[in-house]
Amino acid sequence: MQVDYREFHIDASPLNEGGRYYGRAKIYRRALVDGDAEVFG
């Protein structure tokens, strides 16, 4: 699932490890000046 919220882009997906599922998400913050994005694990 991918969601845009204000200046953030959230990419959430399940992780399958040996029959167990774990939630995980990558959160990107768009930079306003130089075009580079910050990534929060």
PDB file of N, CA and C in Angstrom:
ATOM      1  N   MET A   1       0.844  -1.166   0.000  1.00  0.00           N
ATOM      2  CA  MET A   1       0.000   0.000   0.000  1.00  0.00           C
ATOM      3  C   MET A   1       0.894   1.236   0.000  1.00  0.00           C
ATOM      4  N   GLN A   2       0.573   2.191  -0.831  1.00  0.00           N
ATOM      5  CA  GLN A   2       1.321   3.429  -0.901  1.00  0.00           C
ATOM      6  C   GLN A   2       0.388   4.599  -0.670  1.00  0.00           C
ATOM      7  N   VAL A   3       0.819   5.524   0.182  1.00  0.00           N
ATOM      8  CA  VAL A   3      -0.017   6.659   0.556  1.00  0.00           C
ATOM      9  C   VAL A   3       0.833   7.923   0.532  1.00  0.00           C
ATOM     10  N   ASP A   4       0.264   9.019   0.041  1.00  0.00           N
ATOM     11  CA  ASP A   4       0.895  10.322   0.128  1.00  0.00           C
ATOM     12  C   ASP A   4       0.146  11.137   1.168  1.00  0.00           C
ATOM     13  N   TYR A   5       0.893  11.724   2.112  1.00  0.00           N
ATOM     14  CA  TYR A   5       0.301  12.540   3.162  1.00  0.00           C
ATOM     15  C   TYR A   5       1.179  13.759   3.369  1.00  0.00           C
ATOM     16  N   ARG A   6       0.665  14.913   3.019  1.00  0.00           N
ATOM     17  CA  ARG A   6       1.400  16.177   3.084  1.00  0.00           C
ATOM     18  C   ARG A   6       2.718  16.038   2.342  1.00  0.00           C
ATOM     19  N   GLU A   7       3.860  16.239   3.018  1.00  0.00           N
ATOM     20  CA  GLU A   7       5.142  16.112   2.322  1.00  0.00           C
ATOM     21  C   GLU A   7       5.747  14.711   2.454  1.00  0.00           C
ATOM     22  N   PHE A   8       4.967  13.752   2.942  1.00  0.00           N
ATOM     23  CA  PHE A   8       5.453  12.393   3.154  1.00  0.00           C
ATOM     24  C   PHE A   8       4.871  11.423   2.128  1.00  0.00           C
ATOM     25  N   HIS A   9       5.665  10.419   1.772  1.00  0.00           N
ATOM     26  CA  HIS A   9       5.206   9.290   0.959  1.00  0.00           C
ATOM     27  C   HIS A   9       5.444   8.042   1.803  1.00  0.00           C
ATOM     28  N   ILE A  10       4.408   7.255   2.052  1.00  0.00           N
ATOM     29  CA  ILE A  10       4.484   6.075   2.912  1.00  0.00           C
ATOM     30  C   ILE A  10       4.273   4.840   2.055  1.00  0.00           C
ATOM     31  N   ASP A  11       5.236   3.921   2.123  1.00  0.00           N
ATOM     32  CA  ASP A  11       5.169   2.664   1.380  1.00  0.00           C
ATOM     33  C   ASP A  11       5.123   1.533   2.405  1.00  0.00           C
ATOM     34  N   ALA A  12       3.938   0.975   2.644  1.00  0.00           N
ATOM     35  CA  ALA A  12       3.755  -0.078   3.638  1.00  0.00           C
ATOM     36  C   ALA A  12       3.495  -1.406   2.930  1.00  0.00           C
ATOM     37  N   SER A  13       4.159  -2.457   3.410  1.00  0.00           N
ATOM     38  CA  SER A  13       3.949  -3.777   2.824  1.00  0.00           C
ATOM     39  C   SER A  13       4.269  -4.849   3.867  1.00  0.00           C
ATOM     40  N   PRO A  14       3.604  -6.012   3.782  1.00  0.00           N
ATOM     41  CA  PRO A  14       3.906  -7.092   4.726  1.00  0.00           C
ATOM     42  C   PRO A  14       5.194  -7.819   4.331  1.00  0.00           C
ATOM     43  N   LEU A  15       5.860  -8.361   5.307  1.00  0.00           N
ATOM     44  CA  LEU A  15       7.071  -9.141   5.098  1.00  0.00           C
ATOM     45  C   LEU A  15       6.778 -10.571   5.545  1.00  0.00           C
ATOM     46  N   ASN A  16       6.945 -11.539   4.654  1.00  0.00           N
ATOM     47  CA  ASN A  16       6.685 -12.939   4.949  1.00  0.00           C
ATOM     48  C   ASN A  16       8.005 -13.606   5.321  1.00  0.00           C
ATOM     49  N   GLU A  17       8.107 -14.036   6.570  1.00  0.00           N
ATOM     50  CA  GLU A  17       9.302 -14.721   7.064  1.00  0.00           C
ATOM     51  C   GLU A  17       8.900 -16.079   7.619  1.00  0.00           C
ATOM     52  N   GLY A  18       9.093 -17.127   6.847  1.00  0.00           N
ATOM     53  CA  GLY A  18       8.828 -18.484   7.325  1.00  0.00           C
ATOM     54  C   GLY A  18       7.387 -18.722   7.746  1.00  0.00           C
ATOM     55  N   GLY A  19       6.434 -18.192   7.013  1.00  0.00           N
ATOM     56  CA  GLY A  19       5.038 -18.407   7.339  1.00  0.00           C
ATOM     57  C   GLY A  19       4.464 -17.385   8.311  1.00  0.00           C
ATOM     58  N   ARG A  20       5.286 -16.486   8.816  1.00  0.00           N
ATOM     59  CA  ARG A  20       4.816 -15.414   9.694  1.00  0.00           C
ATOM     60  C   ARG A  20       4.902 -14.097   8.946  1.00  0.00           C
ATOM     61  N   TYR A  21       3.948 -13.251   9.189  1.00  0.00           N
ATOM     62  CA  TYR A  21       3.906 -11.964   8.497  1.00  0.00           C
ATOM     63  C   TYR A  21       4.204 -10.832   9.462  1.00  0.00           C
ATOM     64  N   TYR A  22       5.008  -9.906   9.015  1.00  0.00           N
ATOM     65  CA  TYR A  22       5.381  -8.736   9.803  1.00  0.00           C
ATOM     66  C   TYR A  22       5.072  -7.484   8.991  1.00  0.00           C
ATOM     67  N   GLY A  23       4.574  -6.488   9.676  1.00  0.00           N
ATOM     68  CA  GLY A  23       4.314  -5.222   8.999  1.00  0.00           C
ATOM     69  C   GLY A  23       5.600  -4.412   8.896  1.00  0.00           C
ATOM     70  N   ARG A  24       5.757  -3.687   7.799  1.00  0.00           N
ATOM     71  CA  ARG A  24       6.903  -2.803   7.659  1.00  0.00           C
ATOM     72  C   ARG A  24       6.490  -1.618   6.798  1.00  0.00           C
ATOM     73  N   ALA A  25       7.184  -0.526   6.969  1.00  0.00           N
ATOM     74  CA  ALA A  25       6.868   0.665   6.192  1.00  0.00           C
ATOM     75  C   ALA A  25       8.133   1.475   5.969  1.00  0.00           C
ATOM     76  N   LYS A  26       8.225   2.073   4.802  1.00  0.00           N
ATOM     77  CA  LYS A  26       9.275   3.041   4.508  1.00  0.00           C
ATOM     78  C   LYS A  26       8.590   4.392   4.372  1.00  0.00           C
ATOM     79  N   ILE A  27       9.125   5.364   5.040  1.00  0.00           N
ATOM     80  CA  ILE A  27       8.540   6.697   5.004  1.00  0.00           C
ATOM     81  C   ILE A  27       9.558   7.644   4.388  1.00  0.00           C
ATOM     82  N   TYR A  28       9.150   8.287   3.313  1.00  0.00           N
ATOM     83  CA  TYR A  28      10.005   9.230   2.599  1.00  0.00           C
ATOM     84  C   TYR A  28       9.471  10.637   2.838  1.00  0.00           C
ATOM     85  N   ARG A  29      10.377  11.555   3.071  1.00  0.00           N
ATOM     86  CA  ARG A  29       9.984  12.957   3.194  1.00  0.00           C
ATOM     87  C   ARG A  29      10.569  13.708   2.024  1.00  0.00           C
ATOM     88  N   ARG A  30       9.713  14.323   1.255  1.00  0.00           N
ATOM     89  CA  ARG A  30      10.165  15.043   0.070  1.00  0.00           C
ATOM     90  C   ARG A  30      10.902  16.307   0.485  1.00  0.00           C
ATOM     91  N   ALA A  31      12.041  16.531  -0.124  1.00  0.00           N
ATOM     92  CA  ALA A  31      12.794  17.751   0.129  1.00  0.00           C
ATOM     93  C   ALA A  31      12.181  18.886  -0.666  1.00  0.00           C
ATOM     94  N   LEU A  32      12.123  20.053  -0.091  1.00  0.00           N
ATOM     95  CA  LEU A  32      11.498  21.193  -0.752  1.00  0.00           C
ATOM     96  C   LEU A  32      12.484  21.972  -1.614  1.00  0.00           C
ATOM     97  N   VAL A  33      13.805  21.851  -1.345  1.00  0.00           N
ATOM     98  CA  VAL A  33      14.779  22.703  -2.018  1.00  0.00           C
ATOM     99  C   VAL A  33      15.579  21.979  -3.091  1.00  0.00           C
ATOM    100  N   ASP A  34      16.333  20.942  -2.712  1.00  0.00           N
ATOM    101  CA  ASP A  34      17.294  20.336  -3.642  1.00  0.00           C
ATOM    102  C   ASP A  34      16.810  19.078  -4.327  1.00  0.00           C
ATOM    103  N   GLY A  35      15.619  18.585  -4.026  1.00  0.00           N
ATOM    104  CA  GLY A  35      15.084  17.428  -4.729  1.00  0.00           C
ATOM    105  C   GLY A  35      15.431  16.080  -4.123  1.00  0.00           C
ATOM    106  N   ASP A  36      16.342  16.028  -3.144  1.00  0.00           N
ATOM    107  CA  ASP A  36      16.665  14.766  -2.473  1.00  0.00           C
ATOM    108  C   ASP A  36      15.602  14.468  -1.423  1.00  0.00           C
ATOM    109  N   ALA A  37      15.348  13.188  -1.197  1.00  0.00           N
ATOM    110  CA  ALA A  37      14.347  12.780  -0.218  1.00  0.00           C
ATOM    111  C   ALA A  37      15.018  12.149   0.990  1.00  0.00           C
ATOM    112  N   GLU A  38      14.476  12.387   2.172  1.00  0.00           N
ATOM    113  CA  GLU A  38      14.931  11.711   3.388  1.00  0.00           C
ATOM    114  C   GLU A  38      14.159  10.414   3.504  1.00  0.00           C
ATOM    115  N   VAL A  39      14.813   9.368   3.983  1.00  0.00           N
ATOM    116  CA  VAL A  39      14.151   8.083   4.176  1.00  0.00           C
ATOM    117  C   VAL A  39      14.204   7.730   5.661  1.00  0.00           C
ATOM    118  N   PHE A  40      13.059   7.389   6.225  1.00  0.00           N
ATOM    119  CA  PHE A  40      12.975   6.940   7.606  1.00  0.00           C
ATOM    120  C   PHE A  40      12.587   5.478   7.572  1.00  0.00           C
ATOM    121  N   GLY A  41      13.412   4.591   8.160  1.00  0.00           N
ATOM    122  CA  GLY A  41      13.231   3.157   8.097  1.00  0.00           C
ATOM    123  C   GLY A  41      11.943   2.694   8.580  1.00  0.00           C
TER     124      GLY A  41
END
